[in-house]
Amino acid sequence: MCGIAGIIGKGGFEEPEKSIRMMTDLVKHRGPDGEGFYCDKKIAFGHRRLSIIDLSDFGKQPMTYQDKFVLIYNGEIYNYIEIREELSNAGFQFHTKTDTEVILAAYDKWGEHCVNHFNGMWSFALYDKIRNIVFCSRDRFGVKPFYYLETENAFYFGSEIKQLLPFIKQRKVNRSVLINYLVLGLEEYSSDTFFENIKSLLPSHNLIFDIHIL
């Protein structure tokens, strides 16, 4: 279990380092083995790490790949060894023993269709500097969480809802979600959450944020 956090600024982007650190601090229980950050003019990524596969510092996130992509990731790709071997045979070189690097190389090979090759559980955000997009994905069964919020100033996402609450001016309950839960016992039947304006990326869904439009 790791914790991810991200901000995509719209226009003005004030104190991204302060905001992204606050978001990762709120989920430090998810990743007691370290933290990492990436910030540029419009993007801020944060990560809290729980080391599982590669315990060395080579597995630290956000992970950059050939100065083309930046990834923050929570989960485990069970078949990463097989994918790594396939990519190695295709000429790709690897510098770590992590499944994180395999995700990056797989995206370099197959683009957004890389997730079709994965067997596992994941939520991740990948900043593609070449296409100027942020590609987000959640595993088929929604084992790993991914919540997001869009405001006038920015697009925020994280592993837990509480990371997004500081950016809501007025917190309001989503009445329809609450009623359906209390009366029918329904949970996670749509992208809506118990908080108005905070969404959950549905299982087996991807999200692409085009930075060109900002």
N, C-alpha and C. Protein backbone atom coordinates (compact mmCIF):
# COMPACT_ATOMS: atom_id res chain seq x y z
N MET A 1 0.84 -1.19 0.00
CA MET A 1 0.00 0.00 0.00
C MET A 1 0.87 1.24 0.00
N CYS A 2 0.68 2.09 -0.97
CA CYS A 2 1.37 3.37 -1.05
C CYS A 2 0.34 4.49 -1.12
N GLY A 3 0.79 5.71 -1.08
CA GLY A 3 -0.12 6.86 -1.21
C GLY A 3 0.34 7.76 -2.32
N ILE A 4 -0.59 8.16 -3.20
CA ILE A 4 -0.25 9.07 -4.28
C ILE A 4 -1.02 10.37 -4.12
N ALA A 5 -0.48 11.42 -4.71
CA ALA A 5 -1.14 12.74 -4.67
C ALA A 5 -0.69 13.52 -5.89
N GLY A 6 -1.62 14.30 -6.45
CA GLY A 6 -1.26 15.07 -7.61
C GLY A 6 -2.08 16.34 -7.75
N ILE A 7 -1.48 17.34 -8.37
CA ILE A 7 -2.15 18.61 -8.66
C ILE A 7 -1.77 19.02 -10.08
N ILE A 8 -2.77 19.35 -10.87
CA ILE A 8 -2.54 19.93 -12.19
C ILE A 8 -3.11 21.34 -12.14
N GLY A 9 -2.23 22.32 -12.22
CA GLY A 9 -2.67 23.71 -12.06
C GLY A 9 -3.27 24.27 -13.32
N LYS A 10 -4.25 25.14 -13.15
CA LYS A 10 -4.86 25.85 -14.26
C LYS A 10 -4.48 27.32 -14.13
N GLY A 11 -3.65 27.80 -15.04
CA GLY A 11 -3.22 29.19 -14.94
C GLY A 11 -2.27 29.36 -13.78
N GLY A 12 -2.67 30.17 -12.79
CA GLY A 12 -1.82 30.39 -11.63
C GLY A 12 -1.62 29.13 -10.83
N PHE A 13 -0.39 28.93 -10.35
CA PHE A 13 -0.06 27.70 -9.64
C PHE A 13 0.79 28.07 -8.43
N GLU A 14 0.11 28.52 -7.38
CA GLU A 14 0.81 29.07 -6.22
C GLU A 14 1.17 27.98 -5.21
N GLU A 15 2.40 28.01 -4.75
CA GLU A 15 2.92 27.14 -3.70
C GLU A 15 2.55 25.68 -3.91
N PRO A 16 2.86 25.10 -5.08
CA PRO A 16 2.52 23.69 -5.30
C PRO A 16 3.26 22.77 -4.35
N GLU A 17 4.51 23.12 -4.00
CA GLU A 17 5.28 22.27 -3.10
C GLU A 17 4.60 22.14 -1.73
N LYS A 18 4.08 23.25 -1.25
CA LYS A 18 3.41 23.24 0.05
C LYS A 18 2.14 22.40 0.00
N SER A 19 1.36 22.56 -1.06
CA SER A 19 0.10 21.83 -1.17
C SER A 19 0.32 20.33 -1.36
N ILE A 20 1.28 19.97 -2.22
CA ILE A 20 1.49 18.54 -2.47
C ILE A 20 2.08 17.84 -1.26
N ARG A 21 2.91 18.55 -0.50
CA ARG A 21 3.46 17.96 0.73
C ARG A 21 2.35 17.75 1.76
N MET A 22 1.43 18.70 1.85
CA MET A 22 0.30 18.54 2.76
C MET A 22 -0.52 17.31 2.39
N MET A 23 -0.74 17.12 1.08
CA MET A 23 -1.54 15.98 0.62
C MET A 23 -0.86 14.65 0.93
N THR A 24 0.46 14.59 0.77
CA THR A 24 1.16 13.34 1.07
C THR A 24 1.27 13.10 2.57
N ASP A 25 1.41 14.17 3.34
CA ASP A 25 1.46 14.02 4.80
C ASP A 25 0.18 13.41 5.35
N LEU A 26 -0.93 13.70 4.69
CA LEU A 26 -2.22 13.18 5.15
C LEU A 26 -2.35 11.67 4.96
N VAL A 27 -1.48 11.08 4.11
CA VAL A 27 -1.54 9.63 3.89
C VAL A 27 -0.18 8.98 4.20
N LYS A 28 0.56 9.56 5.12
CA LYS A 28 1.88 9.00 5.42
C LYS A 28 1.77 7.60 6.03
N HIS A 29 0.61 7.26 6.59
CA HIS A 29 0.42 5.91 7.11
C HIS A 29 0.41 4.87 6.00
N ARG A 30 0.14 5.30 4.77
CA ARG A 30 0.11 4.38 3.64
C ARG A 30 1.52 4.06 3.13
N GLY A 31 2.48 4.93 3.46
CA GLY A 31 3.83 4.74 2.95
C GLY A 31 4.88 5.19 3.94
N PRO A 32 5.20 4.36 4.92
CA PRO A 32 6.14 4.76 5.98
C PRO A 32 7.61 4.69 5.56
N ASP A 33 7.89 4.17 4.35
CA ASP A 33 9.29 3.93 3.96
C ASP A 33 9.93 5.06 3.18
N GLY A 34 9.19 6.14 2.94
CA GLY A 34 9.80 7.26 2.24
C GLY A 34 8.79 8.11 1.52
N GLU A 35 9.26 9.26 1.04
CA GLU A 35 8.41 10.17 0.30
C GLU A 35 9.20 10.79 -0.84
N GLY A 36 8.47 11.28 -1.85
CA GLY A 36 9.14 11.92 -2.97
C GLY A 36 8.20 12.88 -3.66
N PHE A 37 8.79 13.86 -4.38
CA PHE A 37 7.99 14.90 -5.01
C PHE A 37 8.55 15.25 -6.38
N TYR A 38 7.65 15.70 -7.25
CA TYR A 38 8.03 16.24 -8.56
C TYR A 38 7.16 17.45 -8.82
N CYS A 39 7.78 18.56 -9.19
CA CYS A 39 7.01 19.77 -9.48
C CYS A 39 7.59 20.47 -10.70
N ASP A 40 6.70 20.95 -11.56
CA ASP A 40 7.12 21.85 -12.63
C ASP A 40 6.08 22.96 -12.73
N LYS A 41 5.97 23.62 -13.89
CA LYS A 41 5.11 24.80 -14.00
C LYS A 41 3.63 24.49 -13.79
N LYS A 42 3.19 23.29 -14.18
CA LYS A 42 1.76 22.98 -14.09
C LYS A 42 1.46 21.69 -13.34
N ILE A 43 2.48 20.90 -13.05
CA ILE A 43 2.28 19.58 -12.45
C ILE A 43 2.98 19.49 -11.10
N ALA A 44 2.29 18.89 -10.13
CA ALA A 44 2.91 18.54 -8.86
C ALA A 44 2.48 17.13 -8.50
N PHE A 45 3.46 16.25 -8.31
CA PHE A 45 3.21 14.87 -7.92
C PHE A 45 3.86 14.61 -6.56
N GLY A 46 3.18 13.81 -5.74
CA GLY A 46 3.74 13.40 -4.46
C GLY A 46 3.49 11.93 -4.23
N HIS A 47 4.37 11.29 -3.45
CA HIS A 47 4.25 9.85 -3.23
C HIS A 47 4.74 9.48 -1.84
N ARG A 48 4.00 8.61 -1.18
CA ARG A 48 4.42 7.97 0.06
C ARG A 48 4.64 6.49 -0.23
N ARG A 49 5.81 6.01 0.09
CA ARG A 49 6.23 4.68 -0.37
C ARG A 49 6.18 3.61 0.72
N LEU A 50 5.58 2.48 0.35
CA LEU A 50 5.71 1.24 1.12
C LEU A 50 6.50 0.29 0.25
N SER A 51 7.72 -0.02 0.64
CA SER A 51 8.61 -0.83 -0.18
C SER A 51 8.22 -2.30 -0.10
N ILE A 52 8.03 -2.91 -1.27
CA ILE A 52 7.63 -4.32 -1.32
C ILE A 52 8.55 -5.12 -2.22
N ILE A 53 8.65 -4.73 -3.49
CA ILE A 53 9.40 -5.53 -4.46
C ILE A 53 10.89 -5.17 -4.43
N ASP A 54 11.21 -3.94 -4.73
CA ASP A 54 12.60 -3.46 -4.71
C ASP A 54 12.74 -2.54 -3.51
N LEU A 55 13.48 -2.98 -2.50
CA LEU A 55 13.58 -2.22 -1.25
C LEU A 55 14.61 -1.11 -1.31
N SER A 56 15.36 -1.04 -2.40
CA SER A 56 16.41 -0.04 -2.52
C SER A 56 15.83 1.31 -2.91
N ASP A 57 16.70 2.31 -2.92
CA ASP A 57 16.29 3.66 -3.32
C ASP A 57 15.98 3.75 -4.81
N PHE A 58 16.34 2.71 -5.58
CA PHE A 58 16.03 2.72 -7.01
C PHE A 58 14.52 2.71 -7.26
N GLY A 59 13.76 2.26 -6.25
CA GLY A 59 12.32 2.20 -6.41
C GLY A 59 11.59 3.45 -5.96
N LYS A 60 12.36 4.49 -5.63
CA LYS A 60 11.75 5.72 -5.13
C LYS A 60 10.88 6.38 -6.21
N GLN A 61 9.77 6.94 -5.77
CA GLN A 61 8.86 7.66 -6.67
C GLN A 61 8.69 9.10 -6.18
N PRO A 62 8.26 9.98 -7.09
CA PRO A 62 7.95 9.79 -8.50
C PRO A 62 9.17 9.29 -9.28
N MET A 63 8.89 8.39 -10.23
CA MET A 63 9.96 7.81 -11.04
C MET A 63 9.92 8.43 -12.43
N THR A 64 11.09 8.89 -12.87
CA THR A 64 11.22 9.49 -14.20
C THR A 64 11.82 8.49 -15.16
N TYR A 65 11.32 8.48 -16.38
CA TYR A 65 11.76 7.53 -17.40
C TYR A 65 12.25 8.29 -18.63
N GLN A 66 13.57 8.24 -18.86
CA GLN A 66 14.20 8.84 -20.04
C GLN A 66 13.80 10.31 -20.25
N ASP A 67 13.52 10.98 -19.17
CA ASP A 67 13.10 12.39 -19.22
C ASP A 67 11.88 12.60 -20.10
N LYS A 68 11.09 11.53 -20.28
CA LYS A 68 9.86 11.62 -21.08
C LYS A 68 8.61 11.48 -20.22
N PHE A 69 8.69 10.61 -19.22
CA PHE A 69 7.52 10.31 -18.41
C PHE A 69 7.87 10.41 -16.93
N VAL A 70 6.85 10.75 -16.13
CA VAL A 70 6.98 10.76 -14.66
C VAL A 70 5.79 10.01 -14.11
N LEU A 71 6.04 9.06 -13.20
CA LEU A 71 4.99 8.17 -12.70
C LEU A 71 4.91 8.18 -11.18
N ILE A 72 3.68 8.25 -10.66
CA ILE A 72 3.40 7.90 -9.26
C ILE A 72 2.39 6.77 -9.29
N TYR A 73 2.60 5.79 -8.40
CA TYR A 73 1.90 4.52 -8.55
C TYR A 73 1.69 3.86 -7.19
N ASN A 74 0.50 3.28 -7.04
CA ASN A 74 0.15 2.50 -5.86
C ASN A 74 -0.37 1.15 -6.33
N GLY A 75 0.27 0.08 -5.91
CA GLY A 75 -0.23 -1.22 -6.31
C GLY A 75 0.85 -2.24 -6.55
N GLU A 76 0.50 -3.27 -7.32
CA GLU A 76 1.44 -4.33 -7.66
C GLU A 76 1.00 -4.96 -8.98
N ILE A 77 1.93 -5.05 -9.91
CA ILE A 77 1.68 -5.73 -11.18
C ILE A 77 2.24 -7.15 -11.04
N TYR A 78 1.35 -8.13 -10.95
CA TYR A 78 1.78 -9.49 -10.65
C TYR A 78 2.63 -10.10 -11.76
N ASN A 79 2.34 -9.75 -12.99
CA ASN A 79 3.07 -10.34 -14.12
C ASN A 79 4.16 -9.42 -14.66
N TYR A 80 4.72 -8.57 -13.80
CA TYR A 80 5.70 -7.61 -14.28
C TYR A 80 6.98 -8.28 -14.79
N ILE A 81 7.33 -9.45 -14.23
CA ILE A 81 8.54 -10.14 -14.69
C ILE A 81 8.37 -10.60 -16.14
N GLU A 82 7.18 -11.14 -16.46
CA GLU A 82 6.92 -11.58 -17.82
C GLU A 82 6.89 -10.40 -18.80
N ILE A 83 6.28 -9.30 -18.37
CA ILE A 83 6.24 -8.11 -19.23
C ILE A 83 7.65 -7.55 -19.42
N ARG A 84 8.40 -7.54 -18.34
CA ARG A 84 9.78 -7.04 -18.43
C ARG A 84 10.60 -7.87 -19.41
N GLU A 85 10.43 -9.18 -19.38
CA GLU A 85 11.16 -10.05 -20.30
C GLU A 85 10.74 -9.78 -21.74
N GLU A 86 9.44 -9.60 -21.97
CA GLU A 86 8.95 -9.29 -23.32
C GLU A 86 9.53 -7.98 -23.83
N LEU A 87 9.56 -6.97 -22.97
CA LEU A 87 10.09 -5.67 -23.36
C LEU A 87 11.60 -5.71 -23.55
N SER A 88 12.28 -6.49 -22.72
CA SER A 88 13.73 -6.64 -22.88
C SER A 88 14.06 -7.27 -24.23
N ASN A 89 13.27 -8.26 -24.62
CA ASN A 89 13.48 -8.90 -25.92
C ASN A 89 13.22 -7.94 -27.07
N ALA A 90 12.41 -6.89 -26.79
CA ALA A 90 12.11 -5.89 -27.81
C ALA A 90 13.13 -4.75 -27.80
N GLY A 91 14.15 -4.85 -26.93
CA GLY A 91 15.21 -3.86 -26.93
C GLY A 91 15.19 -2.86 -25.79
N PHE A 92 14.22 -2.97 -24.89
CA PHE A 92 14.14 -2.05 -23.76
C PHE A 92 15.16 -2.45 -22.69
N GLN A 93 15.74 -1.45 -22.06
CA GLN A 93 16.70 -1.68 -21.00
C GLN A 93 16.12 -1.22 -19.66
N PHE A 94 16.44 -1.96 -18.61
CA PHE A 94 15.92 -1.65 -17.28
C PHE A 94 17.06 -1.40 -16.31
N HIS A 95 16.83 -0.47 -15.40
CA HIS A 95 17.87 -0.08 -14.44
C HIS A 95 17.46 -0.38 -13.01
N THR A 96 16.24 -0.87 -12.80
CA THR A 96 15.78 -1.25 -11.47
C THR A 96 15.10 -2.61 -11.55
N LYS A 97 14.74 -3.13 -10.40
CA LYS A 97 14.00 -4.40 -10.34
C LYS A 97 12.53 -4.15 -10.01
N THR A 98 12.05 -2.95 -10.24
CA THR A 98 10.71 -2.57 -9.82
C THR A 98 9.66 -2.81 -10.90
N ASP A 99 8.44 -3.03 -10.46
CA ASP A 99 7.33 -3.07 -11.42
C ASP A 99 6.97 -1.66 -11.86
N THR A 100 7.39 -0.64 -11.10
CA THR A 100 7.15 0.75 -11.48
C THR A 100 7.82 1.07 -12.81
N GLU A 101 9.07 0.67 -12.94
CA GLU A 101 9.79 0.90 -14.19
C GLU A 101 9.18 0.12 -15.35
N VAL A 102 8.63 -1.05 -15.05
CA VAL A 102 7.96 -1.86 -16.08
C VAL A 102 6.73 -1.13 -16.61
N ILE A 103 5.97 -0.48 -15.72
CA ILE A 103 4.81 0.30 -16.16
C ILE A 103 5.25 1.40 -17.11
N LEU A 104 6.32 2.09 -16.77
CA LEU A 104 6.82 3.18 -17.61
C LEU A 104 7.27 2.67 -18.98
N ALA A 105 8.02 1.58 -18.99
CA ALA A 105 8.48 1.02 -20.26
C ALA A 105 7.31 0.49 -21.07
N ALA A 106 6.33 -0.11 -20.40
CA ALA A 106 5.15 -0.62 -21.10
C ALA A 106 4.37 0.53 -21.74
N TYR A 107 4.28 1.65 -21.04
CA TYR A 107 3.61 2.82 -21.63
C TYR A 107 4.40 3.33 -22.82
N ASP A 108 5.71 3.31 -22.72
CA ASP A 108 6.55 3.75 -23.84
C ASP A 108 6.32 2.86 -25.06
N LYS A 109 6.04 1.59 -24.83
CA LYS A 109 5.84 0.62 -25.92
C LYS A 109 4.41 0.66 -26.46
N TRP A 110 3.44 0.64 -25.58
CA TRP A 110 2.05 0.46 -26.00
C TRP A 110 1.15 1.66 -25.74
N GLY A 111 1.66 2.72 -25.14
CA GLY A 111 0.83 3.86 -24.83
C GLY A 111 -0.24 3.51 -23.81
N GLU A 112 -1.42 4.09 -23.96
CA GLU A 112 -2.50 3.87 -23.00
C GLU A 112 -2.99 2.42 -22.97
N HIS A 113 -2.69 1.66 -24.02
CA HIS A 113 -3.10 0.25 -24.06
C HIS A 113 -2.21 -0.62 -23.17
N CYS A 114 -1.22 -0.03 -22.54
CA CYS A 114 -0.34 -0.81 -21.67
C CYS A 114 -1.11 -1.51 -20.57
N VAL A 115 -2.19 -0.88 -20.09
CA VAL A 115 -2.94 -1.47 -18.97
C VAL A 115 -3.58 -2.80 -19.36
N ASN A 116 -3.80 -3.01 -20.66
CA ASN A 116 -4.37 -4.28 -21.12
C ASN A 116 -3.41 -5.44 -20.92
N HIS A 117 -2.14 -5.13 -20.71
CA HIS A 117 -1.12 -6.16 -20.51
C HIS A 117 -0.91 -6.47 -19.03
N PHE A 118 -1.50 -5.65 -18.14
CA PHE A 118 -1.23 -5.79 -16.72
C PHE A 118 -2.19 -6.76 -16.04
N ASN A 119 -1.63 -7.59 -15.20
CA ASN A 119 -2.41 -8.43 -14.30
C ASN A 119 -2.03 -8.02 -12.88
N GLY A 120 -2.96 -7.35 -12.21
CA GLY A 120 -2.62 -6.87 -10.88
C GLY A 120 -3.62 -5.88 -10.34
N MET A 121 -3.17 -5.08 -9.40
CA MET A 121 -4.01 -4.05 -8.80
C MET A 121 -3.20 -2.76 -8.82
N TRP A 122 -3.84 -1.66 -9.22
CA TRP A 122 -3.07 -0.43 -9.37
C TRP A 122 -3.96 0.80 -9.40
N SER A 123 -3.40 1.89 -9.02
CA SER A 123 -3.89 3.22 -9.36
C SER A 123 -2.63 4.04 -9.61
N PHE A 124 -2.60 4.74 -10.72
CA PHE A 124 -1.40 5.51 -11.03
C PHE A 124 -1.73 6.73 -11.86
N ALA A 125 -0.79 7.66 -11.87
CA ALA A 125 -0.85 8.83 -12.74
C ALA A 125 0.50 8.97 -13.41
N LEU A 126 0.47 9.10 -14.73
CA LEU A 126 1.70 9.18 -15.52
C LEU A 126 1.68 10.47 -16.33
N TYR A 127 2.67 11.30 -16.08
CA TYR A 127 2.82 12.56 -16.81
C TYR A 127 3.64 12.30 -18.06
N ASP A 128 3.00 12.44 -19.21
CA ASP A 128 3.66 12.26 -20.51
C ASP A 128 4.09 13.63 -21.01
N LYS A 129 5.39 13.92 -20.90
CA LYS A 129 5.90 15.23 -21.29
C LYS A 129 5.85 15.43 -22.80
N ILE A 130 5.91 14.35 -23.55
CA ILE A 130 5.92 14.44 -25.01
C ILE A 130 4.54 14.85 -25.53
N ARG A 131 3.50 14.18 -25.04
CA ARG A 131 2.14 14.46 -25.47
C ARG A 131 1.47 15.55 -24.63
N ASN A 132 2.13 15.91 -23.53
CA ASN A 132 1.61 16.94 -22.63
C ASN A 132 0.24 16.55 -22.05
N ILE A 133 0.17 15.33 -21.54
CA ILE A 133 -1.03 14.82 -20.90
C ILE A 133 -0.66 14.14 -19.58
N VAL A 134 -1.66 13.96 -18.73
CA VAL A 134 -1.52 13.10 -17.56
C VAL A 134 -2.48 11.94 -17.74
N PHE A 135 -1.93 10.74 -17.79
CA PHE A 135 -2.71 9.52 -18.00
C PHE A 135 -2.88 8.83 -16.65
N CYS A 136 -4.14 8.67 -16.22
CA CYS A 136 -4.44 8.03 -14.94
C CYS A 136 -5.20 6.73 -15.18
N SER A 137 -4.99 5.75 -14.32
CA SER A 137 -5.66 4.46 -14.51
C SER A 137 -5.91 3.80 -13.16
N ARG A 138 -6.99 3.01 -13.13
CA ARG A 138 -7.34 2.22 -11.94
C ARG A 138 -7.60 0.78 -12.36
N ASP A 139 -7.20 -0.16 -11.52
CA ASP A 139 -7.28 -1.58 -11.88
C ASP A 139 -8.72 -2.05 -12.10
N ARG A 140 -8.85 -3.22 -12.68
CA ARG A 140 -10.14 -3.74 -13.16
C ARG A 140 -11.18 -3.90 -12.06
N PHE A 141 -10.74 -4.24 -10.86
CA PHE A 141 -11.69 -4.47 -9.76
C PHE A 141 -11.71 -3.32 -8.75
N GLY A 142 -10.95 -2.28 -9.02
CA GLY A 142 -10.96 -1.13 -8.12
C GLY A 142 -10.38 -1.41 -6.75
N VAL A 143 -9.40 -2.30 -6.70
CA VAL A 143 -8.77 -2.61 -5.41
C VAL A 143 -8.04 -1.39 -4.87
N LYS A 144 -7.34 -0.68 -5.75
CA LYS A 144 -6.60 0.50 -5.32
C LYS A 144 -7.43 1.76 -5.60
N PRO A 145 -7.56 2.64 -4.63
CA PRO A 145 -8.44 3.81 -4.77
C PRO A 145 -7.81 4.94 -5.56
N PHE A 146 -8.69 5.74 -6.17
CA PHE A 146 -8.25 6.93 -6.90
C PHE A 146 -9.39 7.94 -6.85
N TYR A 147 -9.21 9.02 -6.10
CA TYR A 147 -10.23 10.07 -5.96
C TYR A 147 -9.73 11.35 -6.61
N TYR A 148 -10.68 12.13 -7.13
CA TYR A 148 -10.26 13.38 -7.78
C TYR A 148 -11.29 14.48 -7.58
N LEU A 149 -10.80 15.71 -7.74
CA LEU A 149 -11.61 16.91 -7.56
C LEU A 149 -11.14 17.94 -8.57
N GLU A 150 -12.08 18.59 -9.24
CA GLU A 150 -11.74 19.65 -10.18
C GLU A 150 -12.35 20.96 -9.70
N THR A 151 -11.51 21.97 -9.57
CA THR A 151 -11.96 23.30 -9.17
C THR A 151 -11.60 24.29 -10.28
N GLU A 152 -11.90 25.55 -10.04
CA GLU A 152 -11.56 26.58 -11.03
C GLU A 152 -10.06 26.71 -11.21
N ASN A 153 -9.31 26.40 -10.16
CA ASN A 153 -7.86 26.64 -10.19
C ASN A 153 -7.02 25.42 -10.51
N ALA A 154 -7.55 24.21 -10.24
CA ALA A 154 -6.70 23.03 -10.39
C ALA A 154 -7.53 21.75 -10.43
N PHE A 155 -6.85 20.69 -10.85
CA PHE A 155 -7.36 19.33 -10.79
C PHE A 155 -6.52 18.60 -9.76
N TYR A 156 -7.18 18.03 -8.74
CA TYR A 156 -6.49 17.36 -7.65
C TYR A 156 -6.86 15.87 -7.65
N PHE A 157 -5.92 15.03 -7.26
CA PHE A 157 -6.25 13.61 -7.10
C PHE A 157 -5.40 13.00 -6.01
N GLY A 158 -5.88 11.88 -5.46
CA GLY A 158 -5.14 11.22 -4.39
C GLY A 158 -5.72 9.87 -4.05
N SER A 159 -5.09 9.21 -3.10
CA SER A 159 -5.49 7.88 -2.68
C SER A 159 -6.65 7.89 -1.69
N GLU A 160 -6.86 9.03 -1.02
CA GLU A 160 -7.93 9.12 -0.02
C GLU A 160 -8.65 10.45 -0.16
N ILE A 161 -9.93 10.44 0.18
CA ILE A 161 -10.76 11.63 0.06
C ILE A 161 -10.24 12.77 0.92
N LYS A 162 -9.71 12.45 2.09
CA LYS A 162 -9.28 13.53 3.00
C LYS A 162 -8.16 14.38 2.41
N GLN A 163 -7.45 13.86 1.40
CA GLN A 163 -6.42 14.66 0.75
C GLN A 163 -7.02 15.80 -0.07
N LEU A 164 -8.27 15.65 -0.48
CA LEU A 164 -8.92 16.63 -1.35
C LEU A 164 -9.77 17.63 -0.58
N LEU A 165 -10.16 17.29 0.62
CA LEU A 165 -11.06 18.14 1.40
C LEU A 165 -10.52 19.56 1.65
N PRO A 166 -9.21 19.75 1.85
CA PRO A 166 -8.73 21.12 2.09
C PRO A 166 -8.96 22.07 0.92
N PHE A 167 -9.25 21.53 -0.26
CA PHE A 167 -9.40 22.37 -1.44
C PHE A 167 -10.86 22.64 -1.81
N ILE A 168 -11.77 22.22 -0.93
CA ILE A 168 -13.19 22.50 -1.12
C ILE A 168 -13.59 23.68 -0.24
N LYS A 169 -14.19 24.69 -0.82
CA LYS A 169 -14.57 25.87 -0.05
C LYS A 169 -15.66 25.55 0.96
N GLN A 170 -16.63 24.76 0.53
CA GLN A 170 -17.72 24.39 1.43
C GLN A 170 -18.03 22.91 1.25
N ARG A 171 -17.84 22.15 2.29
CA ARG A 171 -18.05 20.71 2.21
C ARG A 171 -19.55 20.39 2.33
N LYS A 172 -20.06 19.67 1.33
CA LYS A 172 -21.47 19.31 1.33
C LYS A 172 -21.62 17.82 1.08
N VAL A 173 -22.56 17.20 1.76
CA VAL A 173 -22.82 15.78 1.54
C VAL A 173 -23.55 15.60 0.21
N ASN A 174 -23.23 14.54 -0.49
CA ASN A 174 -23.95 14.16 -1.69
C ASN A 174 -25.18 13.37 -1.25
N ARG A 175 -26.32 14.03 -1.27
CA ARG A 175 -27.53 13.46 -0.69
C ARG A 175 -27.96 12.17 -1.37
N SER A 176 -27.86 12.12 -2.69
CA SER A 176 -28.32 10.93 -3.38
C SER A 176 -27.45 9.72 -3.04
N VAL A 177 -26.15 9.92 -2.91
CA VAL A 177 -25.27 8.83 -2.53
C VAL A 177 -25.58 8.39 -1.10
N LEU A 178 -25.79 9.35 -0.22
CA LEU A 178 -26.09 9.02 1.18
C LEU A 178 -27.40 8.25 1.30
N ILE A 179 -28.43 8.71 0.59
CA ILE A 179 -29.74 8.03 0.66
C ILE A 179 -29.64 6.61 0.10
N ASN A 180 -28.98 6.46 -1.03
CA ASN A 180 -28.84 5.12 -1.62
C ASN A 180 -28.06 4.18 -0.72
N TYR A 181 -27.13 4.74 0.05
CA TYR A 181 -26.38 3.90 0.98
C TYR A 181 -27.24 3.51 2.18
N LEU A 182 -27.95 4.49 2.75
CA LEU A 182 -28.75 4.23 3.95
C LEU A 182 -29.96 3.35 3.67
N VAL A 183 -30.60 3.56 2.51
CA VAL A 183 -31.84 2.84 2.19
C VAL A 183 -31.56 1.52 1.49
N LEU A 184 -30.66 1.54 0.52
CA LEU A 184 -30.43 0.36 -0.32
C LEU A 184 -29.11 -0.36 -0.04
N GLY A 185 -28.25 0.30 0.75
CA GLY A 185 -26.96 -0.31 1.04
C GLY A 185 -26.00 -0.30 -0.12
N LEU A 186 -26.22 0.60 -1.07
CA LEU A 186 -25.37 0.66 -2.26
C LEU A 186 -24.08 1.41 -1.97
N GLU A 187 -22.98 0.87 -2.46
CA GLU A 187 -21.67 1.51 -2.33
C GLU A 187 -20.94 1.44 -3.67
N GLU A 188 -20.27 2.50 -4.02
CA GLU A 188 -19.42 2.56 -5.21
C GLU A 188 -20.14 2.06 -6.47
N TYR A 189 -21.36 2.52 -6.65
CA TYR A 189 -22.12 2.15 -7.84
C TYR A 189 -21.96 3.18 -8.95
N SER A 190 -21.33 4.30 -8.64
CA SER A 190 -21.07 5.33 -9.64
C SER A 190 -19.79 6.05 -9.25
N SER A 191 -19.41 7.04 -10.04
CA SER A 191 -18.20 7.80 -9.73
C SER A 191 -18.41 8.80 -8.60
N ASP A 192 -19.66 9.03 -8.20
CA ASP A 192 -19.94 9.96 -7.10
C ASP A 192 -19.51 9.38 -5.76
N THR A 193 -19.14 10.26 -4.84
CA THR A 193 -18.79 9.85 -3.48
C THR A 193 -19.74 10.53 -2.50
N PHE A 194 -19.49 10.38 -1.22
CA PHE A 194 -20.35 11.00 -0.21
C PHE A 194 -20.17 12.51 -0.15
N PHE A 195 -19.16 13.04 -0.80
CA PHE A 195 -18.93 14.48 -0.84
C PHE A 195 -19.23 15.02 -2.23
N GLU A 196 -20.00 16.09 -2.29
CA GLU A 196 -20.27 16.73 -3.57
C GLU A 196 -18.96 17.18 -4.22
N ASN A 197 -18.87 16.94 -5.51
CA ASN A 197 -17.75 17.36 -6.36
C ASN A 197 -16.51 16.48 -6.26
N ILE A 198 -16.45 15.60 -5.28
CA ILE A 198 -15.34 14.65 -5.22
C ILE A 198 -15.78 13.35 -5.90
N LYS A 199 -14.99 12.93 -6.87
CA LYS A 199 -15.32 11.75 -7.67
C LYS A 199 -14.33 10.63 -7.39
N SER A 200 -14.75 9.43 -7.75
CA SER A 200 -13.89 8.26 -7.69
C SER A 200 -13.73 7.71 -9.11
N LEU A 201 -12.50 7.50 -9.54
CA LEU A 201 -12.29 6.87 -10.84
C LEU A 201 -12.78 5.44 -10.73
N LEU A 202 -13.70 5.06 -11.61
CA LEU A 202 -14.32 3.76 -11.51
C LEU A 202 -13.33 2.64 -11.84
N PRO A 203 -13.56 1.44 -11.30
CA PRO A 203 -12.70 0.30 -11.63
C PRO A 203 -12.63 0.10 -13.15
N SER A 204 -11.45 -0.29 -13.62
CA SER A 204 -11.22 -0.58 -15.03
C SER A 204 -11.40 0.64 -15.92
N HIS A 205 -11.24 1.83 -15.34
CA HIS A 205 -11.37 3.06 -16.11
C HIS A 205 -10.05 3.83 -16.13
N ASN A 206 -9.88 4.59 -17.19
CA ASN A 206 -8.74 5.48 -17.34
C ASN A 206 -9.24 6.92 -17.41
N LEU A 207 -8.34 7.85 -17.15
CA LEU A 207 -8.65 9.26 -17.22
C LEU A 207 -7.45 9.97 -17.85
N ILE A 208 -7.72 10.80 -18.83
CA ILE A 208 -6.65 11.55 -19.49
C ILE A 208 -6.92 13.03 -19.34
N PHE A 209 -5.95 13.73 -18.76
CA PHE A 209 -6.06 15.18 -18.59
C PHE A 209 -5.12 15.83 -19.60
N ASP A 210 -5.70 16.59 -20.52
CA ASP A 210 -4.93 17.23 -21.57
C ASP A 210 -4.44 18.59 -21.08
N ILE A 211 -3.14 18.71 -20.89
CA ILE A 211 -2.57 19.95 -20.37
C ILE A 211 -2.54 21.04 -21.43
N HIS A 212 -2.69 20.67 -22.71
CA HIS A 212 -2.71 21.67 -23.78
C HIS A 212 -3.81 22.69 -23.59
N ILE A 213 -4.92 22.26 -22.97
CA ILE A 213 -6.10 23.13 -22.88
C ILE A 213 -5.94 24.15 -21.77
N LEU A 214 -4.93 24.03 -20.93
CA LEU A 214 -4.78 24.95 -19.80
C LEU A 214 -4.14 26.26 -20.23
